[in-house]
N, C-alpha and C. Protein backbone atom coordinates (compact mmCIF):
# COMPACT_ATOMS: atom_id res chain seq x y z
N MET A 1 10.68 2.38 4.38
CA MET A 1 10.02 3.68 4.39
C MET A 1 8.53 3.44 4.55
N ILE A 2 7.87 4.28 5.34
CA ILE A 2 6.43 4.17 5.52
C ILE A 2 5.78 5.53 5.30
N VAL A 3 4.52 5.48 4.90
CA VAL A 3 3.70 6.68 4.77
C VAL A 3 2.40 6.39 5.50
N VAL A 4 2.01 7.28 6.40
CA VAL A 4 0.76 7.15 7.15
C VAL A 4 -0.09 8.37 6.83
N VAL A 5 -1.34 8.12 6.45
CA VAL A 5 -2.28 9.21 6.14
C VAL A 5 -3.44 9.11 7.11
N LEU A 6 -3.68 10.18 7.86
CA LEU A 6 -4.77 10.23 8.84
C LEU A 6 -5.82 11.23 8.37
N SER A 7 -7.09 10.88 8.60
CA SER A 7 -8.19 11.78 8.27
C SER A 7 -9.13 11.84 9.47
N ALA A 8 -9.42 13.04 9.92
CA ALA A 8 -10.36 13.28 11.02
C ALA A 8 -9.96 12.53 12.29
N CYS A 9 -8.68 12.51 12.61
CA CYS A 9 -8.18 11.84 13.80
C CYS A 9 -7.85 12.86 14.88
N PRO A 10 -7.80 12.44 16.14
CA PRO A 10 -7.47 13.35 17.23
C PRO A 10 -6.06 13.93 17.07
N THR A 11 -5.88 15.14 17.55
CA THR A 11 -4.56 15.79 17.43
C THR A 11 -3.51 15.09 18.27
N GLY A 12 -3.91 14.41 19.32
CA GLY A 12 -2.96 13.67 20.14
C GLY A 12 -2.28 12.56 19.37
N LEU A 13 -3.01 11.94 18.49
CA LEU A 13 -2.42 10.89 17.65
C LEU A 13 -1.39 11.48 16.70
N ARG A 14 -1.71 12.63 16.14
CA ARG A 14 -0.75 13.29 15.25
C ARG A 14 0.52 13.65 16.00
N GLY A 15 0.37 14.14 17.22
CA GLY A 15 1.54 14.48 18.03
C GLY A 15 2.36 13.26 18.38
N ASP A 16 1.67 12.15 18.63
CA ASP A 16 2.37 10.90 18.95
C ASP A 16 3.18 10.40 17.76
N LEU A 17 2.63 10.52 16.56
CA LEU A 17 3.35 10.06 15.37
C LEU A 17 4.55 10.94 15.03
N THR A 18 4.51 12.22 15.41
CA THR A 18 5.64 13.10 15.09
C THR A 18 6.90 12.73 15.87
N ARG A 19 6.78 11.89 16.89
CA ARG A 19 7.98 11.43 17.60
C ARG A 19 8.82 10.51 16.72
N TRP A 20 8.15 9.80 15.80
CA TRP A 20 8.84 8.82 14.98
C TRP A 20 8.90 9.19 13.51
N LEU A 21 7.92 9.97 13.05
CA LEU A 21 7.81 10.26 11.63
C LEU A 21 7.78 11.77 11.40
N LEU A 22 8.01 12.16 10.18
CA LEU A 22 8.00 13.56 9.78
C LEU A 22 6.64 13.88 9.15
N GLU A 23 5.97 14.93 9.64
CA GLU A 23 4.68 15.33 9.08
C GLU A 23 4.94 16.29 7.93
N VAL A 24 4.76 15.81 6.70
CA VAL A 24 5.06 16.61 5.51
C VAL A 24 3.88 17.45 5.06
N SER A 25 2.69 17.08 5.49
CA SER A 25 1.46 17.80 5.19
C SER A 25 0.49 17.45 6.31
N PRO A 26 -0.51 18.28 6.58
CA PRO A 26 -1.42 17.94 7.68
C PRO A 26 -2.04 16.54 7.51
N GLY A 27 -1.73 15.66 8.45
CA GLY A 27 -2.28 14.31 8.43
C GLY A 27 -1.48 13.32 7.61
N THR A 28 -0.36 13.73 6.99
CA THR A 28 0.47 12.84 6.19
C THR A 28 1.86 12.74 6.82
N PHE A 29 2.24 11.53 7.20
CA PHE A 29 3.50 11.29 7.90
C PHE A 29 4.37 10.36 7.08
N VAL A 30 5.67 10.65 7.05
CA VAL A 30 6.64 9.87 6.28
C VAL A 30 7.84 9.59 7.18
N GLY A 31 8.38 8.37 7.06
CA GLY A 31 9.56 8.05 7.84
C GLY A 31 10.16 6.74 7.44
N ASN A 32 11.34 6.46 8.00
CA ASN A 32 12.05 5.22 7.74
C ASN A 32 12.31 4.57 9.10
N VAL A 33 11.50 3.58 9.43
CA VAL A 33 11.60 2.91 10.73
C VAL A 33 11.68 1.40 10.49
N SER A 34 12.05 0.67 11.54
CA SER A 34 12.13 -0.79 11.44
C SER A 34 10.73 -1.40 11.41
N ALA A 35 10.67 -2.67 11.07
CA ALA A 35 9.38 -3.37 11.00
C ALA A 35 8.72 -3.44 12.38
N ARG A 36 9.51 -3.61 13.42
CA ARG A 36 8.96 -3.67 14.77
C ARG A 36 8.33 -2.34 15.17
N VAL A 37 9.01 -1.25 14.89
CA VAL A 37 8.47 0.08 15.20
C VAL A 37 7.24 0.36 14.33
N ARG A 38 7.30 -0.03 13.06
CA ARG A 38 6.16 0.16 12.16
C ARG A 38 4.92 -0.53 12.70
N ASP A 39 5.06 -1.78 13.14
CA ASP A 39 3.92 -2.52 13.67
C ASP A 39 3.40 -1.90 14.97
N ALA A 40 4.32 -1.43 15.81
CA ALA A 40 3.89 -0.78 17.05
C ALA A 40 3.18 0.54 16.76
N LEU A 41 3.67 1.29 15.79
CA LEU A 41 2.99 2.54 15.42
C LEU A 41 1.60 2.26 14.86
N TRP A 42 1.47 1.21 14.05
CA TRP A 42 0.16 0.89 13.48
C TRP A 42 -0.84 0.48 14.58
N GLU A 43 -0.36 -0.25 15.59
CA GLU A 43 -1.24 -0.59 16.71
C GLU A 43 -1.72 0.66 17.42
N ARG A 44 -0.82 1.61 17.64
CA ARG A 44 -1.20 2.88 18.27
C ARG A 44 -2.20 3.65 17.43
N VAL A 45 -1.96 3.66 16.12
CA VAL A 45 -2.87 4.36 15.21
C VAL A 45 -4.26 3.72 15.29
N CYS A 46 -4.33 2.39 15.25
CA CYS A 46 -5.63 1.71 15.28
C CYS A 46 -6.37 1.95 16.59
N MET A 47 -5.64 2.02 17.70
CA MET A 47 -6.28 2.23 18.99
C MET A 47 -6.77 3.67 19.16
N ASN A 48 -6.09 4.64 18.53
CA ASN A 48 -6.36 6.04 18.81
C ASN A 48 -7.02 6.82 17.68
N THR A 49 -7.49 6.18 16.63
CA THR A 49 -8.09 6.93 15.53
C THR A 49 -9.45 7.51 15.89
N GLY A 50 -10.13 6.94 16.88
CA GLY A 50 -11.45 7.46 17.24
C GLY A 50 -12.42 7.27 16.09
N THR A 51 -13.05 8.36 15.66
CA THR A 51 -13.99 8.28 14.54
C THR A 51 -13.30 8.51 13.20
N GLY A 52 -12.01 8.79 13.22
CA GLY A 52 -11.26 9.05 11.99
C GLY A 52 -10.90 7.77 11.27
N ARG A 53 -10.02 7.91 10.28
CA ARG A 53 -9.57 6.76 9.52
C ARG A 53 -8.09 6.91 9.22
N ALA A 54 -7.45 5.78 8.93
CA ALA A 54 -6.01 5.77 8.71
C ALA A 54 -5.64 4.82 7.58
N LEU A 55 -4.54 5.16 6.92
CA LEU A 55 -4.01 4.36 5.82
C LEU A 55 -2.50 4.34 5.96
N MET A 56 -1.90 3.17 5.81
CA MET A 56 -0.43 3.05 5.87
C MET A 56 0.05 2.34 4.61
N VAL A 57 1.12 2.86 4.03
CA VAL A 57 1.80 2.23 2.90
C VAL A 57 3.24 2.02 3.35
N TYR A 58 3.77 0.79 3.12
CA TYR A 58 5.13 0.51 3.56
C TYR A 58 5.83 -0.43 2.59
N ASN A 59 7.17 -0.48 2.67
CA ASN A 59 7.99 -1.31 1.79
C ASN A 59 7.71 -2.78 2.02
N SER A 60 7.82 -3.56 0.94
CA SER A 60 7.66 -5.00 1.04
C SER A 60 8.42 -5.66 -0.11
N ASP A 61 8.68 -6.95 0.04
CA ASP A 61 9.37 -7.71 -1.00
C ASP A 61 8.36 -8.43 -1.89
N ASN A 62 7.61 -7.67 -2.66
CA ASN A 62 6.69 -8.24 -3.63
C ASN A 62 6.86 -7.49 -4.94
N GLU A 63 6.04 -7.80 -5.93
CA GLU A 63 6.21 -7.16 -7.23
C GLU A 63 5.98 -5.66 -7.18
N GLN A 64 5.06 -5.23 -6.36
CA GLN A 64 4.77 -3.80 -6.25
C GLN A 64 5.75 -3.06 -5.36
N ARG A 65 6.50 -3.79 -4.56
CA ARG A 65 7.47 -3.23 -3.61
C ARG A 65 6.80 -2.44 -2.50
N MET A 66 5.49 -2.70 -2.25
CA MET A 66 4.79 -2.01 -1.16
C MET A 66 3.55 -2.80 -0.76
N LYS A 67 3.10 -2.55 0.47
CA LYS A 67 1.86 -3.12 0.99
C LYS A 67 1.05 -2.02 1.63
N PHE A 68 -0.24 -2.31 1.83
CA PHE A 68 -1.16 -1.33 2.39
C PHE A 68 -1.80 -1.89 3.66
N ARG A 69 -2.11 -1.00 4.58
CA ARG A 69 -2.93 -1.32 5.75
C ARG A 69 -3.96 -0.19 5.87
N VAL A 70 -5.18 -0.55 6.20
CA VAL A 70 -6.23 0.46 6.36
C VAL A 70 -6.96 0.22 7.67
N ASN A 71 -7.48 1.30 8.23
CA ASN A 71 -8.28 1.24 9.46
C ASN A 71 -9.46 2.18 9.30
N LYS A 72 -10.67 1.63 9.35
CA LYS A 72 -11.92 2.39 9.23
C LYS A 72 -11.96 3.20 7.94
N HIS A 73 -11.47 2.65 6.89
CA HIS A 73 -11.39 3.33 5.60
C HIS A 73 -12.35 2.66 4.64
N GLU A 74 -13.00 3.46 3.76
CA GLU A 74 -13.94 2.88 2.81
C GLU A 74 -13.24 2.04 1.75
N TRP A 75 -12.08 2.47 1.33
CA TRP A 75 -11.33 1.76 0.30
C TRP A 75 -10.58 0.60 0.98
N GLU A 76 -10.64 -0.58 0.37
CA GLU A 76 -10.00 -1.76 0.95
C GLU A 76 -8.95 -2.31 0.00
N PRO A 77 -7.78 -2.71 0.51
CA PRO A 77 -6.79 -3.36 -0.35
C PRO A 77 -7.29 -4.76 -0.73
N THR A 78 -7.25 -5.06 -2.01
CA THR A 78 -7.75 -6.33 -2.52
C THR A 78 -6.72 -6.93 -3.47
N ASP A 79 -6.50 -8.22 -3.34
CA ASP A 79 -5.52 -8.90 -4.18
C ASP A 79 -6.16 -9.31 -5.50
N PHE A 80 -5.60 -8.86 -6.60
CA PHE A 80 -6.03 -9.24 -7.94
C PHE A 80 -4.86 -9.90 -8.66
N GLU A 81 -4.84 -11.22 -8.66
CA GLU A 81 -3.80 -12.00 -9.33
C GLU A 81 -2.39 -11.57 -8.93
N GLY A 82 -2.18 -11.39 -7.66
CA GLY A 82 -0.86 -11.05 -7.16
C GLY A 82 -0.58 -9.58 -6.99
N LEU A 83 -1.44 -8.71 -7.51
CA LEU A 83 -1.28 -7.27 -7.34
C LEU A 83 -2.30 -6.78 -6.32
N THR A 84 -1.87 -5.96 -5.41
CA THR A 84 -2.78 -5.39 -4.43
C THR A 84 -3.28 -4.06 -4.96
N LEU A 85 -4.57 -3.97 -5.14
CA LEU A 85 -5.21 -2.74 -5.61
C LEU A 85 -6.20 -2.27 -4.57
N MET A 86 -6.45 -0.98 -4.56
CA MET A 86 -7.41 -0.42 -3.62
C MET A 86 -8.80 -0.51 -4.23
N LEU A 87 -9.68 -1.28 -3.59
CA LEU A 87 -11.04 -1.47 -4.06
C LEU A 87 -11.90 -0.34 -3.55
N ARG A 88 -12.43 0.41 -4.47
CA ARG A 88 -13.26 1.57 -4.14
C ARG A 88 -14.71 1.11 -4.01
N PRO A 89 -15.41 1.56 -2.97
CA PRO A 89 -16.80 1.13 -2.82
C PRO A 89 -17.66 1.68 -3.95
N THR A 90 -18.63 0.90 -4.36
CA THR A 90 -19.51 1.34 -5.43
C THR A 90 -20.54 2.31 -4.89
N ALA A 91 -20.91 3.25 -5.72
CA ALA A 91 -21.93 4.21 -5.34
C ALA A 91 -23.30 3.53 -5.44
N PRO A 92 -24.23 3.92 -4.58
CA PRO A 92 -25.56 3.32 -4.69
C PRO A 92 -26.17 3.63 -6.05
N ALA A 93 -26.82 2.64 -6.60
CA ALA A 93 -27.40 2.80 -7.94
C ALA A 93 -28.55 3.81 -7.90
N LYS A 94 -28.56 4.69 -8.87
CA LYS A 94 -29.65 5.64 -8.98
C LYS A 94 -30.84 4.93 -9.60
N SER A 95 -32.01 5.28 -9.12
CA SER A 95 -33.19 4.61 -9.68
C SER A 95 -33.41 5.11 -11.10
N ALA A 96 -33.86 4.21 -11.93
CA ALA A 96 -34.05 4.53 -13.33
C ALA A 96 -35.50 4.97 -13.61
N GLN A 97 -36.18 5.43 -12.57
CA GLN A 97 -37.56 5.86 -12.78
C GLN A 97 -37.58 7.18 -13.53
N ARG A 98 -38.47 7.24 -14.48
CA ARG A 98 -38.62 8.46 -15.25
C ARG A 98 -39.73 9.29 -14.64
N ARG A 99 -39.47 10.57 -14.52
CA ARG A 99 -40.48 11.45 -13.95
C ARG A 99 -41.59 11.65 -14.97
N THR A 100 -42.78 11.66 -14.47
CA THR A 100 -43.92 11.86 -15.35
C THR A 100 -44.58 13.18 -15.03
N GLY A 101 -45.39 13.65 -15.93
CA GLY A 101 -46.11 14.91 -15.72
C GLY A 101 -45.37 16.07 -16.34
N TRP A 102 -45.88 17.25 -16.07
CA TRP A 102 -45.31 18.47 -16.62
C TRP A 102 -44.14 18.96 -15.79
N SER A 103 -43.27 19.73 -16.40
CA SER A 103 -42.12 20.27 -15.69
C SER A 103 -42.58 21.39 -14.76
N ASN A 104 -41.73 21.71 -13.79
CA ASN A 104 -42.04 22.80 -12.87
C ASN A 104 -42.13 24.13 -13.59
N ALA A 105 -41.28 24.35 -14.58
CA ALA A 105 -41.30 25.61 -15.34
C ALA A 105 -42.62 25.76 -16.09
N ARG A 106 -43.11 24.69 -16.66
CA ARG A 106 -44.37 24.75 -17.40
C ARG A 106 -45.53 25.03 -16.45
N ASN A 107 -45.49 24.42 -15.26
CA ASN A 107 -46.56 24.65 -14.29
C ASN A 107 -46.56 26.09 -13.78
N GLN A 108 -45.39 26.67 -13.57
CA GLN A 108 -45.31 28.07 -13.13
C GLN A 108 -45.80 29.00 -14.22
N LEU A 109 -45.44 28.73 -15.45
CA LEU A 109 -45.89 29.56 -16.57
C LEU A 109 -47.40 29.50 -16.68
N ARG A 110 -47.96 28.35 -16.54
CA ARG A 110 -49.40 28.19 -16.65
C ARG A 110 -50.12 28.92 -15.52
N SER A 111 -49.55 28.92 -14.32
CA SER A 111 -50.21 29.59 -13.20
C SER A 111 -50.14 31.11 -13.31
N ARG A 112 -49.15 31.64 -14.01
CA ARG A 112 -49.01 33.09 -14.16
C ARG A 112 -49.94 33.65 -15.22
N HIS A 113 -50.27 32.91 -16.19
CA HIS A 113 -51.10 33.37 -17.31
C HIS A 113 -52.41 32.59 -17.35
N PRO A 114 -53.43 33.12 -16.72
CA PRO A 114 -54.70 32.39 -16.68
C PRO A 114 -55.30 32.17 -18.06
N SER A 115 -54.99 33.05 -19.02
CA SER A 115 -55.57 32.88 -20.36
C SER A 115 -54.96 31.68 -21.08
N TRP A 116 -53.79 31.21 -20.64
CA TRP A 116 -53.14 30.08 -21.28
C TRP A 116 -53.67 28.73 -20.76
N ARG A 117 -54.45 28.78 -19.70
CA ARG A 117 -54.89 27.53 -19.09
C ARG A 117 -55.68 26.69 -20.08
N ASP A 118 -56.46 27.33 -20.87
CA ASP A 118 -57.28 26.57 -21.80
C ASP A 118 -56.50 26.14 -23.03
N LYS A 119 -55.48 26.92 -23.41
CA LYS A 119 -54.72 26.65 -24.62
C LYS A 119 -53.67 25.57 -24.44
N LEU A 120 -53.10 25.47 -23.24
CA LEU A 120 -52.01 24.52 -23.05
C LEU A 120 -52.50 23.16 -22.68
């Protein structure tokens, strides 16, 4: 059994996959095909994704009973001591700089009340 998930791919690719697989949700295809057909479908997916991305999950004889294939996807399958996990990219670190000076609300309040300029 295989599951193919497409994101932002051409509609022609979706139509091509419906010849072999069942589209259960937009961009999600499920089917039971041989390994030869699975590999041929994956080649077609990789050639025709354009700017989109694709993910395939299929049966395998390992502890998880499945393997992953990705094409132009941010998440990558990574082996951790025999288990394949999807490695999520880290978000860019936010700078730890602290803002200095007065808040915008305080500056607006000060500009509205000229008599407060000397007191604040």
